[in-house]
Amino acid sequence: MFPSLAPVLTGQKKLSDHKPGITVLSHAQAYALIEEGRALLLDVREPAEFLSGAVINAKNVPLDDIRKGSLPDFALEYRLKPVIVYCRSGRRSAEAAKCLYEQGFRYLYDMGGISSWPYGTVTPSGA
């Protein structure tokens, strides 16, 4: 259901339609992009927070690592692809998006905080 809604919610049909920069998304828009499966989903909270519950398929890269430019290889592959960032309330995700943009990432989407995420969470492996 949601993959077909992604272009409607975001106004973007293919990667070339994504605009460089940082875009703030509603949870519905973020969910549609996540369901589409073409964006990297980064949880920028601390590992203990991540292990307590995260959006399905999210990868944990804490804000401190992003600030230092200590990014895992899987993240570096997304410099020119859509990246969605989130945290608990939205403050860290906004900072992470800005840092990532300064590090050469071009298609960033800030979905804010998981605290009001209505689509459910999972307990990542390792918890």
PDB file of N, CA and C in Angstrom:
ATOM      1  N   MET A   1       0.828  -1.202   0.000  1.00  0.00           N
ATOM      2  CA  MET A   1       0.000   0.000   0.000  1.00  0.00           C
ATOM      3  C   MET A   1       0.871   1.264   0.000  1.00  0.00           C
ATOM      4  N   PHE A   2       1.830   1.357   0.912  1.00  0.00           N
ATOM      5  CA  PHE A   2       2.595   2.585   1.027  1.00  0.00           C
ATOM      6  C   PHE A   2       3.581   2.839  -0.103  1.00  0.00           C
ATOM      7  N   PRO A   3       4.197   1.810  -0.729  1.00  0.00           N
ATOM      8  CA  PRO A   3       5.119   2.145  -1.819  1.00  0.00           C
ATOM      9  C   PRO A   3       4.455   2.973  -2.908  1.00  0.00           C
ATOM     10  N   SER A   4       3.204   2.689  -3.220  1.00  0.00           N
ATOM     11  CA  SER A   4       2.536   3.465  -4.253  1.00  0.00           C
ATOM     12  C   SER A   4       2.196   4.875  -3.775  1.00  0.00           C
ATOM     13  N   LEU A   5       2.167   5.078  -2.469  1.00  0.00           N
ATOM     14  CA  LEU A   5       1.887   6.408  -1.928  1.00  0.00           C
ATOM     15  C   LEU A   5       3.120   7.286  -1.865  1.00  0.00           C
ATOM     16  N   ALA A   6       4.294   6.696  -1.912  1.00  0.00           N
ATOM     17  CA  ALA A   6       5.523   7.476  -1.754  1.00  0.00           C
ATOM     18  C   ALA A   6       5.604   8.648  -2.721  1.00  0.00           C
ATOM     19  N   PRO A   7       5.368   8.463  -4.032  1.00  0.00           N
ATOM     20  CA  PRO A   7       5.460   9.611  -4.932  1.00  0.00           C
ATOM     21  C   PRO A   7       4.406  10.680  -4.623  1.00  0.00           C
ATOM     22  N   VAL A   8       3.235  10.244  -4.183  1.00  0.00           N
ATOM     23  CA  VAL A   8       2.167  11.199  -3.865  1.00  0.00           C
ATOM     24  C   VAL A   8       2.533  12.022  -2.641  1.00  0.00           C
ATOM     25  N   LEU A   9       3.029  11.336  -1.608  1.00  0.00           N
ATOM     26  CA  LEU A   9       3.339  12.023  -0.357  1.00  0.00           C
ATOM     27  C   LEU A   9       4.562  12.913  -0.477  1.00  0.00           C
ATOM     28  N   THR A  10       5.549  12.472  -1.232  1.00  0.00           N
ATOM     29  CA  THR A  10       6.794  13.227  -1.297  1.00  0.00           C
ATOM     30  C   THR A  10       6.888  14.082  -2.543  1.00  0.00           C
ATOM     31  N   GLY A  11       6.050  13.803  -3.537  1.00  0.00           N
ATOM     32  CA  GLY A  11       6.118  14.535  -4.794  1.00  0.00           C
ATOM     33  C   GLY A  11       7.313  14.123  -5.627  1.00  0.00           C
ATOM     34  N   GLN A  12       7.909  12.982  -5.297  1.00  0.00           N
ATOM     35  CA  GLN A  12       9.120  12.526  -5.973  1.00  0.00           C
ATOM     36  C   GLN A  12       8.903  11.113  -6.484  1.00  0.00           C
ATOM     37  N   LYS A  13       9.201  10.886  -7.757  1.00  0.00           N
ATOM     38  CA  LYS A  13       8.962   9.593  -8.366  1.00  0.00           C
ATOM     39  C   LYS A  13      10.239   8.785  -8.568  1.00  0.00           C
ATOM     40  N   LYS A  14      11.378   9.420  -8.672  1.00  0.00           N
ATOM     41  CA  LYS A  14      12.640   8.713  -8.874  1.00  0.00           C
ATOM     42  C   LYS A  14      13.757   9.542  -8.262  1.00  0.00           C
ATOM     43  N   LEU A  15      14.932   8.917  -8.148  1.00  0.00           N
ATOM     44  CA  LEU A  15      16.045   9.599  -7.490  1.00  0.00           C
ATOM     45  C   LEU A  15      16.324  10.954  -8.107  1.00  0.00           C
ATOM     46  N   SER A  16      16.207  11.061  -9.422  1.00  0.00           N
ATOM     47  CA  SER A  16      16.489  12.352 -10.055  1.00  0.00           C
ATOM     48  C   SER A  16      15.496  13.428  -9.635  1.00  0.00           C
ATOM     49  N   ASP A  17      14.341  13.021  -9.073  1.00  0.00           N
ATOM     50  CA  ASP A  17      13.357  13.982  -8.583  1.00  0.00           C
ATOM     51  C   ASP A  17      13.687  14.487  -7.184  1.00  0.00           C
ATOM     52  N   HIS A  18      14.562  13.775  -6.469  1.00  0.00           N
ATOM     53  CA  HIS A  18      14.952  14.225  -5.132  1.00  0.00           C
ATOM     54  C   HIS A  18      15.799  15.480  -5.272  1.00  0.00           C
ATOM     55  N   LYS A  19      15.560  16.431  -4.417  1.00  0.00           N
ATOM     56  CA  LYS A  19      16.283  17.705  -4.473  1.00  0.00           C
ATOM     57  C   LYS A  19      17.422  17.692  -3.467  1.00  0.00           C
ATOM     58  N   PRO A  20      18.614  18.130  -3.881  1.00  0.00           N
ATOM     59  CA  PRO A  20      19.723  18.196  -2.934  1.00  0.00           C
ATOM     60  C   PRO A  20      19.376  19.121  -1.774  1.00  0.00           C
ATOM     61  N   GLY A  21      19.845  18.755  -0.608  1.00  0.00           N
ATOM     62  CA  GLY A  21      19.618  19.562   0.578  1.00  0.00           C
ATOM     63  C   GLY A  21      18.990  18.745   1.685  1.00  0.00           C
ATOM     64  N   ILE A  22      18.436  19.450   2.646  1.00  0.00           N
ATOM     65  CA  ILE A  22      17.796  18.817   3.796  1.00  0.00           C
ATOM     66  C   ILE A  22      16.314  19.131   3.737  1.00  0.00           C
ATOM     67  N   THR A  23      15.503  18.087   3.749  1.00  0.00           N
ATOM     68  CA  THR A  23      14.051  18.235   3.703  1.00  0.00           C
ATOM     69  C   THR A  23      13.471  17.654   4.980  1.00  0.00           C
ATOM     70  N   VAL A  24      12.598  18.390   5.627  1.00  0.00           N
ATOM     71  CA  VAL A  24      11.904  17.886   6.808  1.00  0.00           C
ATOM     72  C   VAL A  24      10.658  17.148   6.326  1.00  0.00           C
ATOM     73  N   LEU A  25      10.498  15.915   6.804  1.00  0.00           N
ATOM     74  CA  LEU A  25       9.371  15.080   6.401  1.00  0.00           C
ATOM     75  C   LEU A  25       8.427  14.831   7.561  1.00  0.00           C
ATOM     76  N   SER A  26       7.162  14.694   7.262  1.00  0.00           N
ATOM     77  CA  SER A  26       6.218  14.205   8.258  1.00  0.00           C
ATOM     78  C   SER A  26       6.476  12.714   8.446  1.00  0.00           C
ATOM     79  N   HIS A  27       5.924  12.144   9.482  1.00  0.00           N
ATOM     80  CA  HIS A  27       6.090  10.712   9.680  1.00  0.00           C
ATOM     81  C   HIS A  27       5.466   9.921   8.537  1.00  0.00           C
ATOM     82  N   ALA A  28       4.336  10.367   8.025  1.00  0.00           N
ATOM     83  CA  ALA A  28       3.693   9.670   6.896  1.00  0.00           C
ATOM     84  C   ALA A  28       4.593   9.699   5.659  1.00  0.00           C
ATOM     85  N   GLN A  29       5.204  10.824   5.386  1.00  0.00           N
ATOM     86  CA  GLN A  29       6.106  10.923   4.235  1.00  0.00           C
ATOM     87  C   GLN A  29       7.336  10.040   4.432  1.00  0.00           C
ATOM     88  N   ALA A  30       7.898  10.063   5.640  1.00  0.00           N
ATOM     89  CA  ALA A  30       9.068   9.235   5.935  1.00  0.00           C
ATOM     90  C   ALA A  30       8.706   7.756   5.800  1.00  0.00           C
ATOM     91  N   TYR A  31       7.552   7.373   6.329  1.00  0.00           N
ATOM     92  CA  TYR A  31       7.126   5.975   6.242  1.00  0.00           C
ATOM     93  C   TYR A  31       7.005   5.538   4.789  1.00  0.00           C
ATOM     94  N   ALA A  32       6.468   6.395   3.952  1.00  0.00           N
ATOM     95  CA  ALA A  32       6.328   6.068   2.532  1.00  0.00           C
ATOM     96  C   ALA A  32       7.695   5.860   1.884  1.00  0.00           C
ATOM     97  N   LEU A  33       8.655   6.726   2.185  1.00  0.00           N
ATOM     98  CA  LEU A  33      10.004   6.557   1.636  1.00  0.00           C
ATOM     99  C   LEU A  33      10.673   5.291   2.172  1.00  0.00           C
ATOM    100  N   ILE A  34      10.452   5.001   3.444  1.00  0.00           N
ATOM    101  CA  ILE A  34      11.015   3.789   4.039  1.00  0.00           C
ATOM    102  C   ILE A  34      10.437   2.562   3.342  1.00  0.00           C
ATOM    103  N   GLU A  35       9.144   2.552   3.149  1.00  0.00           N
ATOM    104  CA  GLU A  35       8.484   1.431   2.486  1.00  0.00           C
ATOM    105  C   GLU A  35       8.953   1.275   1.047  1.00  0.00           C
ATOM    106  N   GLU A  36       9.308   2.358   0.416  1.00  0.00           N
ATOM    107  CA  GLU A  36       9.811   2.316  -0.949  1.00  0.00           C
ATOM    108  C   GLU A  36      11.145   1.565  -1.002  1.00  0.00           C
ATOM    109  N   GLY A  37      11.902   1.613   0.091  1.00  0.00           N
ATOM    110  CA  GLY A  37      13.117   0.826   0.219  1.00  0.00           C
ATOM    111  C   GLY A  37      14.351   1.368  -0.469  1.00  0.00           C
ATOM    112  N   ARG A  38      14.342   2.616  -0.880  1.00  0.00           N
ATOM    113  CA  ARG A  38      15.512   3.155  -1.585  1.00  0.00           C
ATOM    114  C   ARG A  38      16.307   4.148  -0.754  1.00  0.00           C
ATOM    115  N   ALA A  39      15.922   4.346   0.478  1.00  0.00           N
ATOM    116  CA  ALA A  39      16.622   5.310   1.336  1.00  0.00           C
ATOM    117  C   ALA A  39      17.287   4.574   2.500  1.00  0.00           C
ATOM    118  N   LEU A  40      18.423   5.086   2.920  1.00  0.00           N
ATOM    119  CA  LEU A  40      19.072   4.600   4.129  1.00  0.00           C
ATOM    120  C   LEU A  40      18.395   5.274   5.309  1.00  0.00           C
ATOM    121  N   LEU A  41      18.025   4.495   6.303  1.00  0.00           N
ATOM    122  CA  LEU A  41      17.364   5.017   7.493  1.00  0.00           C
ATOM    123  C   LEU A  41      18.350   4.987   8.646  1.00  0.00           C
ATOM    124  N   LEU A  42      18.735   6.183   9.125  1.00  0.00           N
ATOM    125  CA  LEU A  42      19.712   6.293  10.212  1.00  0.00           C
ATOM    126  C   LEU A  42      19.059   6.754  11.503  1.00  0.00           C
ATOM    127  N   ASP A  43      19.251   5.976  12.534  1.00  0.00           N
ATOM    128  CA  ASP A  43      18.858   6.333  13.889  1.00  0.00           C
ATOM    129  C   ASP A  43      20.111   6.928  14.525  1.00  0.00           C
ATOM    130  N   VAL A  44      20.055   8.208  14.883  1.00  0.00           N
ATOM    131  CA  VAL A  44      21.251   8.891  15.373  1.00  0.00           C
ATOM    132  C   VAL A  44      21.312   8.975  16.900  1.00  0.00           C
ATOM    133  N   ARG A  45      20.481   8.166  17.567  1.00  0.00           N
ATOM    134  CA  ARG A  45      20.515   8.116  19.028  1.00  0.00           C
ATOM    135  C   ARG A  45      21.694   7.268  19.494  1.00  0.00           C
ATOM    136  N   GLU A  46      21.926   7.258  20.786  1.00  0.00           N
ATOM    137  CA  GLU A  46      22.978   6.429  21.375  1.00  0.00           C
ATOM    138  C   GLU A  46      22.582   4.952  21.254  1.00  0.00           C
ATOM    139  N   PRO A  47      23.568   4.045  21.243  1.00  0.00           N
ATOM    140  CA  PRO A  47      23.271   2.618  21.074  1.00  0.00           C
ATOM    141  C   PRO A  47      22.236   2.063  22.055  1.00  0.00           C
ATOM    142  N   ALA A  48      22.297   2.443  23.323  1.00  0.00           N
ATOM    143  CA  ALA A  48      21.321   1.935  24.295  1.00  0.00           C
ATOM    144  C   ALA A  48      19.901   2.378  23.940  1.00  0.00           C
ATOM    145  N   GLU A  49      19.760   3.604  23.454  1.00  0.00           N
ATOM    146  CA  GLU A  49      18.441   4.088  23.029  1.00  0.00           C
ATOM    147  C   GLU A  49      17.954   3.288  21.827  1.00  0.00           C
ATOM    148  N   PHE A  50      18.850   3.079  20.867  1.00  0.00           N
ATOM    149  CA  PHE A  50      18.518   2.318  19.664  1.00  0.00           C
ATOM    150  C   PHE A  50      18.050   0.912  20.025  1.00  0.00           C
ATOM    151  N   LEU A  51      18.772   0.258  20.928  1.00  0.00           N
ATOM    152  CA  LEU A  51      18.433  -1.108  21.312  1.00  0.00           C
ATOM    153  C   LEU A  51      17.125  -1.211  22.083  1.00  0.00           C
ATOM    154  N   SER A  52      16.634  -0.093  22.605  1.00  0.00           N
ATOM    155  CA  SER A  52      15.360  -0.125  23.332  1.00  0.00           C
ATOM    156  C   SER A  52      14.164  -0.094  22.384  1.00  0.00           C
ATOM    157  N   GLY A  53      14.388   0.179  21.116  1.00  0.00           N
ATOM    158  CA  GLY A  53      13.308   0.191  20.126  1.00  0.00           C
ATOM    159  C   GLY A  53      13.644   1.153  19.010  1.00  0.00           C
ATOM    160  N   ALA A  54      13.476   0.689  17.780  1.00  0.00           N
ATOM    161  CA  ALA A  54      13.845   1.490  16.613  1.00  0.00           C
ATOM    162  C   ALA A  54      12.863   1.232  15.481  1.00  0.00           C
ATOM    163  N   VAL A  55      12.888   2.091  14.492  1.00  0.00           N
ATOM    164  CA  VAL A  55      12.102   1.889  13.284  1.00  0.00           C
ATOM    165  C   VAL A  55      12.714   0.699  12.543  1.00  0.00           C
ATOM    166  N   ILE A  56      11.877  -0.152  12.006  1.00  0.00           N
ATOM    167  CA  ILE A  56      12.358  -1.349  11.307  1.00  0.00           C
ATOM    168  C   ILE A  56      13.332  -0.960  10.187  1.00  0.00           C
ATOM    169  N   ASN A  57      14.399  -1.724  10.077  1.00  0.00           N
ATOM    170  CA  ASN A  57      15.463  -1.555   9.078  1.00  0.00           C
ATOM    171  C   ASN A  57      16.371  -0.347   9.318  1.00  0.00           C
ATOM    172  N   ALA A  58      16.231   0.312  10.452  1.00  0.00           N
ATOM    173  CA  ALA A  58      17.111   1.442  10.760  1.00  0.00           C
ATOM    174  C   ALA A  58      18.494   0.936  11.133  1.00  0.00           C
ATOM    175  N   LYS A  59      19.484   1.735  10.802  1.00  0.00           N
ATOM    176  CA  LYS A  59      20.866   1.481  11.191  1.00  0.00           C
ATOM    177  C   LYS A  59      21.246   2.543  12.215  1.00  0.00           C
ATOM    178  N   ASN A  60      21.971   2.135  13.238  1.00  0.00           N
ATOM    179  CA  ASN A  60      22.367   3.067  14.289  1.00  0.00           C
ATOM    180  C   ASN A  60      23.737   3.667  14.008  1.00  0.00           C
ATOM    181  N   VAL A  61      23.775   4.975  13.852  1.00  0.00           N
ATOM    182  CA  VAL A  61      25.024   5.735  13.750  1.00  0.00           C
ATOM    183  C   VAL A  61      24.829   6.941  14.666  1.00  0.00           C
ATOM    184  N   PRO A  62      25.366   6.859  15.889  1.00  0.00           N
ATOM    185  CA  PRO A  62      25.159   7.939  16.857  1.00  0.00           C
ATOM    186  C   PRO A  62      25.642   9.296  16.346  1.00  0.00           C
ATOM    187  N   LEU A  63      24.975  10.343  16.795  1.00  0.00           N
ATOM    188  CA  LEU A  63      25.312  11.702  16.400  1.00  0.00           C
ATOM    189  C   LEU A  63      26.789  12.013  16.631  1.00  0.00           C
ATOM    190  N   ASP A  64      27.360  11.562  17.744  1.00  0.00           N
ATOM    191  CA  ASP A  64      28.781  11.842  17.998  1.00  0.00           C
ATOM    192  C   ASP A  64      29.670  11.274  16.894  1.00  0.00           C
ATOM    193  N   ASP A  65      29.337  10.092  16.393  1.00  0.00           N
ATOM    194  CA  ASP A  65      30.111   9.508  15.290  1.00  0.00           C
ATOM    195  C   ASP A  65      29.960  10.351  14.025  1.00  0.00           C
ATOM    196  N   ILE A  66      28.759  10.832  13.785  1.00  0.00           N
ATOM    197  CA  ILE A  66      28.516  11.676  12.604  1.00  0.00           C
ATOM    198  C   ILE A  66      29.303  12.975  12.728  1.00  0.00           C
ATOM    199  N   ARG A  67      29.278  13.575  13.910  1.00  0.00           N
ATOM    200  CA  ARG A  67      30.040  14.819  14.121  1.00  0.00           C
ATOM    201  C   ARG A  67      31.525  14.620  13.813  1.00  0.00           C
ATOM    202  N   LYS A  68      32.065  13.467  14.203  1.00  0.00           N
ATOM    203  CA  LYS A  68      33.488  13.162  13.998  1.00  0.00           C
ATOM    204  C   LYS A  68      33.793  12.714  12.573  1.00  0.00           C
ATOM    205  N   GLY A  69      32.742  12.453  11.782  1.00  0.00           N
ATOM    206  CA  GLY A  69      32.950  11.929  10.439  1.00  0.00           C
ATOM    207  C   GLY A  69      33.299  10.449  10.441  1.00  0.00           C
ATOM    208  N   SER A  70      33.008   9.772  11.557  1.00  0.00           N
ATOM    209  CA  SER A  70      33.286   8.338  11.694  1.00  0.00           C
ATOM    210  C   SER A  70      32.075   7.545  11.216  1.00  0.00           C
ATOM    211  N   LEU A  71      31.940   7.442   9.908  1.00  0.00           N
ATOM    212  CA  LEU A  71      30.774   6.775   9.339  1.00  0.00           C
ATOM    213  C   LEU A  71      31.139   5.391   8.821  1.00  0.00           C
ATOM    214  N   PRO A  72      30.253   4.422   9.041  1.00  0.00           N
ATOM    215  CA  PRO A  72      30.517   3.083   8.508  1.00  0.00           C
ATOM    216  C   PRO A  72      30.423   3.069   6.988  1.00  0.00           C
ATOM    217  N   ASP A  73      31.044   2.075   6.378  1.00  0.00           N
ATOM    218  CA  ASP A  73      31.066   1.985   4.923  1.00  0.00           C
ATOM    219  C   ASP A  73      29.667   1.993   4.316  1.00  0.00           C
ATOM    220  N   PHE A  74      28.708   1.290   4.958  1.00  0.00           N
ATOM    221  CA  PHE A  74      27.365   1.244   4.379  1.00  0.00           C
ATOM    222  C   PHE A  74      26.758   2.641   4.245  1.00  0.00           C
ATOM    223  N   ALA A  75      27.094   3.529   5.161  1.00  0.00           N
ATOM    224  CA  ALA A  75      26.561   4.893   5.095  1.00  0.00           C
ATOM    225  C   ALA A  75      27.231   5.687   3.985  1.00  0.00           C
ATOM    226  N   LEU A  76      28.516   5.496   3.810  1.00  0.00           N
ATOM    227  CA  LEU A  76      29.245   6.254   2.791  1.00  0.00           C
ATOM    228  C   LEU A  76      28.732   5.973   1.384  1.00  0.00           C
ATOM    229  N   GLU A  77      28.156   4.811   1.187  1.00  0.00           N
ATOM    230  CA  GLU A  77      27.595   4.461  -0.118  1.00  0.00           C
ATOM    231  C   GLU A  77      26.365   5.302  -0.467  1.00  0.00           C
ATOM    232  N   TYR A  78      25.835   6.034   0.509  1.00  0.00           N
ATOM    233  CA  TYR A  78      24.611   6.817   0.307  1.00  0.00           C
ATOM    234  C   TYR A  78      24.872   8.313   0.150  1.00  0.00           C
ATOM    235  N   ARG A  79      26.074   8.714  -0.131  1.00  0.00           N
ATOM    236  CA  ARG A  79      26.359  10.150  -0.286  1.00  0.00           C
ATOM    237  C   ARG A  79      25.458  10.811  -1.332  1.00  0.00           C
ATOM    238  N   LEU A  80      25.131  10.097  -2.384  1.00  0.00           N
ATOM    239  CA  LEU A  80      24.304  10.663  -3.457  1.00  0.00           C
ATOM    240  C   LEU A  80      22.966   9.951  -3.577  1.00  0.00           C
ATOM    241  N   LYS A  81      22.522   9.350  -2.466  1.00  0.00           N
ATOM    242  CA  LYS A  81      21.229   8.658  -2.412  1.00  0.00           C
ATOM    243  C   LYS A  81      20.454   9.191  -1.208  1.00  0.00           C
ATOM    244  N   PRO A  82      19.146   8.969  -1.170  1.00  0.00           N
ATOM    245  CA  PRO A  82      18.357   9.466  -0.044  1.00  0.00           C
ATOM    246  C   PRO A  82      18.735   8.835   1.298  1.00  0.00           C
ATOM    247  N   VAL A  83      18.858   9.690   2.312  1.00  0.00           N
ATOM    248  CA  VAL A  83      19.141   9.264   3.678  1.00  0.00           C
ATOM    249  C   VAL A  83      18.103   9.923   4.580  1.00  0.00           C
ATOM    250  N   ILE A  84      17.423   9.103   5.372  1.00  0.00           N
ATOM    251  CA  ILE A  84      16.449   9.596   6.341  1.00  0.00           C
ATOM    252  C   ILE A  84      17.090   9.494   7.720  1.00  0.00           C
ATOM    253  N   VAL A  85      17.045  10.568   8.492  1.00  0.00           N
ATOM    254  CA  VAL A  85      17.602  10.553   9.847  1.00  0.00           C
ATOM    255  C   VAL A  85      16.492  10.809  10.864  1.00  0.00           C
ATOM    256  N   TYR A  86      16.657  10.166  12.028  1.00  0.00           N
ATOM    257  CA  TYR A  86      15.729  10.420  13.131  1.00  0.00           C
ATOM    258  C   TYR A  86      16.444  10.210  14.452  1.00  0.00           C
ATOM    259  N   CYS A  87      15.843  10.740  15.510  1.00  0.00           N
ATOM    260  CA  CYS A  87      16.357  10.574  16.866  1.00  0.00           C
ATOM    261  C   CYS A  87      15.167  10.371  17.794  1.00  0.00           C
ATOM    262  N   ARG A  88      15.249  10.844  19.011  1.00  0.00           N
ATOM    263  CA  ARG A  88      14.126  10.702  19.946  1.00  0.00           C
ATOM    264  C   ARG A  88      13.102  11.806  19.758  1.00  0.00           C
ATOM    265  N   SER A  89      13.577  13.053  19.722  1.00  0.00           N
ATOM    266  CA  SER A  89      12.636  14.172  19.686  1.00  0.00           C
ATOM    267  C   SER A  89      12.771  15.065  18.458  1.00  0.00           C
ATOM    268  N   GLY A  90      13.887  14.989  17.747  1.00  0.00           N
ATOM    269  CA  GLY A  90      14.086  15.803  16.556  1.00  0.00           C
ATOM    270  C   GLY A  90      15.281  16.730  16.593  1.00  0.00           C
ATOM    271  N   ARG A  91      15.823  17.000  17.754  1.00  0.00           N
ATOM    272  CA  ARG A  91      16.968  17.906  17.860  1.00  0.00           C
ATOM    273  C   ARG A  91      18.223  17.290  17.244  1.00  0.00           C
ATOM    274  N   ARG A  92      18.544  16.064  17.643  1.00  0.00           N
ATOM    275  CA  ARG A  92      19.752  15.416  17.126  1.00  0.00           C
ATOM    276  C   ARG A  92      19.637  15.091  15.632  1.00  0.00           C
ATOM    277  N   SER A  93      18.436  14.761  15.176  1.00  0.00           N
ATOM    278  CA  SER A  93      18.292  14.446  13.746  1.00  0.00           C
ATOM    279  C   SER A  93      18.565  15.682  12.893  1.00  0.00           C
ATOM    280  N   ALA A  94      18.124  16.845  13.358  1.00  0.00           N
ATOM    281  CA  ALA A  94      18.385  18.085  12.617  1.00  0.00           C
ATOM    282  C   ALA A  94      19.879  18.362  12.552  1.00  0.00           C
ATOM    283  N   GLU A  95      20.571  18.179  13.664  1.00  0.00           N
ATOM    284  CA  GLU A  95      22.021  18.399  13.675  1.00  0.00           C
ATOM    285  C   GLU A  95      22.737  17.361  12.810  1.00  0.00           C
ATOM    286  N   ALA A  96      22.289  16.108  12.881  1.00  0.00           N
ATOM    287  CA  ALA A  96      22.907  15.046  12.079  1.00  0.00           C
ATOM    288  C   ALA A  96      22.747  15.331  10.590  1.00  0.00           C
ATOM    289  N   ALA A  97      21.567  15.766  10.191  1.00  0.00           N
ATOM    290  CA  ALA A  97      21.339  16.082   8.776  1.00  0.00           C
ATOM    291  C   ALA A  97      22.284  17.183   8.319  1.00  0.00           C
ATOM    292  N   LYS A  98      22.447  18.208   9.137  1.00  0.00           N
ATOM    293  CA  LYS A  98      23.344  19.313   8.790  1.00  0.00           C
ATOM    294  C   LYS A  98      24.790  18.819   8.677  1.00  0.00           C
ATOM    295  N   CYS A  99      25.232  18.008   9.637  1.00  0.00           N
ATOM    296  CA  CYS A  99      26.599  17.477   9.602  1.00  0.00           C
ATOM    297  C   CYS A  99      26.811  16.598   8.373  1.00  0.00           C
ATOM    298  N   LEU A 100      25.857  15.739   8.079  1.00  0.00           N
ATOM    299  CA  LEU A 100      25.982  14.861   6.919  1.00  0.00           C
ATOM    300  C   LEU A 100      26.040  15.664   5.626  1.00  0.00           C
ATOM    301  N   TYR A 101      25.242  16.720   5.555  1.00  0.00           N
ATOM    302  CA  TYR A 101      25.279  17.561   4.357  1.00  0.00           C
ATOM    303  C   TYR A 101      26.665  18.190   4.196  1.00  0.00           C
ATOM    304  N   GLU A 102      27.218  18.664   5.301  1.00  0.00           N
ATOM    305  CA  GLU A 102      28.553  19.262   5.275  1.00  0.00           C
ATOM    306  C   GLU A 102      29.623  18.238   4.904  1.00  0.00           C
ATOM    307  N   GLN A 103      29.329  16.939   5.101  1.00  0.00           N
ATOM    308  CA  GLN A 103      30.272  15.872   4.771  1.00  0.00           C
ATOM    309  C   GLN A 103      30.036  15.300   3.369  1.00  0.00           C
ATOM    310  N   GLY A 104      29.189  15.947   2.602  1.00  0.00           N
ATOM    311  CA  GLY A 104      29.014  15.533   1.209  1.00  0.00           C
ATOM    312  C   GLY A 104      27.773  14.743   0.887  1.00  0.00           C
ATOM    313  N   PHE A 105      26.932  14.465   1.865  1.00  0.00           N
ATOM    314  CA  PHE A 105      25.662  13.789   1.589  1.00  0.00           C
ATOM    315  C   PHE A 105      24.714  14.830   1.000  1.00  0.00           C
ATOM    316  N   ARG A 106      23.963  14.464  -0.004  1.00  0.00           N
ATOM    317  CA  ARG A 106      23.194  15.469  -0.736  1.00  0.00           C
ATOM    318  C   ARG A 106      21.683  15.348  -0.646  1.00  0.00           C
ATOM    319  N   TYR A 107      21.149  14.185  -0.282  1.00  0.00           N
ATOM    320  CA  TYR A 107      19.691  14.001  -0.277  1.00  0.00           C
ATOM    321  C   TYR A 107      19.267  13.544   1.113  1.00  0.00           C
ATOM    322  N   LEU A 108      19.113  14.519   1.999  1.00  0.00           N
ATOM    323  CA  LEU A 108      18.843  14.226   3.403  1.00  0.00           C
ATOM    324  C   LEU A 108      17.405  14.560   3.769  1.00  0.00           C
ATOM    325  N   TYR A 109      16.828  13.664   4.557  1.00  0.00           N
ATOM    326  CA  TYR A 109      15.445  13.815   5.003  1.00  0.00           C
ATOM    327  C   TYR A 109      15.409  13.664   6.514  1.00  0.00           C
ATOM    328  N   ASP A 110      14.936  14.691   7.193  1.00  0.00           N
ATOM    329  CA  ASP A 110      14.844  14.698   8.648  1.00  0.00           C
ATOM    330  C   ASP A 110      13.407  14.383   9.034  1.00  0.00           C
ATOM    331  N   MET A 111      13.196  13.198   9.613  1.00  0.00           N
ATOM    332  CA  MET A 111      11.834  12.836  10.037  1.00  0.00           C
ATOM    333  C   MET A 111      11.598  13.155  11.506  1.00  0.00           C
ATOM    334  N   GLY A 112      12.578  13.787  12.141  1.00  0.00           N
ATOM    335  CA  GLY A 112      12.380  14.223  13.520  1.00  0.00           C
ATOM    336  C   GLY A 112      12.523  13.095  14.519  1.00  0.00           C
ATOM    337  N   GLY A 113      11.558  13.018  15.447  1.00  0.00           N
ATOM    338  CA  GLY A 113      11.678  12.105  16.568  1.00  0.00           C
ATOM    339  C   GLY A 113      10.840  10.856  16.483  1.00  0.00           C
ATOM    340  N   ILE A 114      11.399   9.796  17.036  1.00  0.00           N
ATOM    341  CA  ILE A 114      10.706   8.522  17.096  1.00  0.00           C
ATOM    342  C   ILE A 114       9.668   8.513  18.216  1.00  0.00           C
ATOM    343  N   SER A 115       9.751   9.471  19.143  1.00  0.00           N
ATOM    344  CA  SER A 115       8.840   9.469  20.293  1.00  0.00           C
ATOM    345  C   SER A 115       7.374   9.582  19.870  1.00  0.00           C
ATOM    346  N   SER A 116       7.111  10.148  18.698  1.00  0.00           N
ATOM    347  CA  SER A 116       5.719  10.240  18.230  1.00  0.00           C
ATOM    348  C   SER A 116       5.497   9.429  16.953  1.00  0.00           C
ATOM    349  N   TRP A 117       6.389   8.485  16.657  1.00  0.00           N
ATOM    350  CA  TRP A 117       6.300   7.631  15.471  1.00  0.00           C
ATOM    351  C   TRP A 117       5.105   6.690  15.622  1.00  0.00           C
ATOM    352  N   PRO A 118       4.106   6.777  14.746  1.00  0.00           N
ATOM    353  CA  PRO A 118       2.876   5.999  14.930  1.00  0.00           C
ATOM    354  C   PRO A 118       2.883   4.613  14.296  1.00  0.00           C
ATOM    355  N   TYR A 119       3.970   4.212  13.642  1.00  0.00           N
ATOM    356  CA  TYR A 119       3.949   2.986  12.848  1.00  0.00           C
ATOM    357  C   TYR A 119       4.603   1.783  13.519  1.00  0.00           C
ATOM    358  N   GLY A 120       4.925   1.895  14.779  1.00  0.00           N
ATOM    359  CA  GLY A 120       5.509   0.773  15.495  1.00  0.00           C
ATOM    360  C   GLY A 120       7.025   0.726  15.395  1.00  0.00           C
ATOM    361  N   THR A 121       7.617   0.043  16.352  1.00  0.00           N
ATOM    362  CA  THR A 121       9.070  -0.098  16.391  1.00  0.00           C
ATOM    363  C   THR A 121       9.413  -1.573  16.603  1.00  0.00           C
ATOM    364  N   VAL A 122      10.667  -1.875  16.438  1.00  0.00           N
ATOM    365  CA  VAL A 122      11.165  -3.227  16.672  1.00  0.00           C
ATOM    366  C   VAL A 122      12.330  -3.140  17.647  1.00  0.00           C
ATOM    367  N   THR A 123      12.661  -4.260  18.265  1.00  0.00           N
ATOM    368  CA  THR A 123      13.840  -4.329  19.101  1.00  0.00           C
ATOM    369  C   THR A 123      14.956  -4.878  18.235  1.00  0.00           C
ATOM    370  N   PRO A 124      15.941  -4.046  17.911  1.00  0.00           N
ATOM    371  CA  PRO A 124      17.033  -4.500  17.048  1.00  0.00           C
ATOM    372  C   PRO A 124      17.792  -5.670  17.662  1.00  0.00           C
ATOM    373  N   SER A 125      18.374  -6.504  16.834  1.00  0.00           N
ATOM    374  CA  SER A 125      19.161  -7.624  17.345  1.00  0.00           C
ATOM    375  C   SER A 125      20.337  -7.082  18.142  1.00  0.00           C
ATOM    376  N   GLY A 126      20.674  -7.808  19.166  1.00  0.00           N
ATOM    377  CA  GLY A 126      21.745  -7.379  20.052  1.00  0.00           C
ATOM    378  C   GLY A 126      21.198  -6.850  21.360  1.00  0.00           C
ATOM    379  N   ALA A 127      19.864  -6.669  21.433  1.00  0.00           N
ATOM    380  CA  ALA A 127      19.275  -6.150  22.671  1.00  0.00           C
ATOM    381  C   ALA A 127      18.988  -7.281  23.634  1.00  0.00           C
TER     382      ALA A 127
END
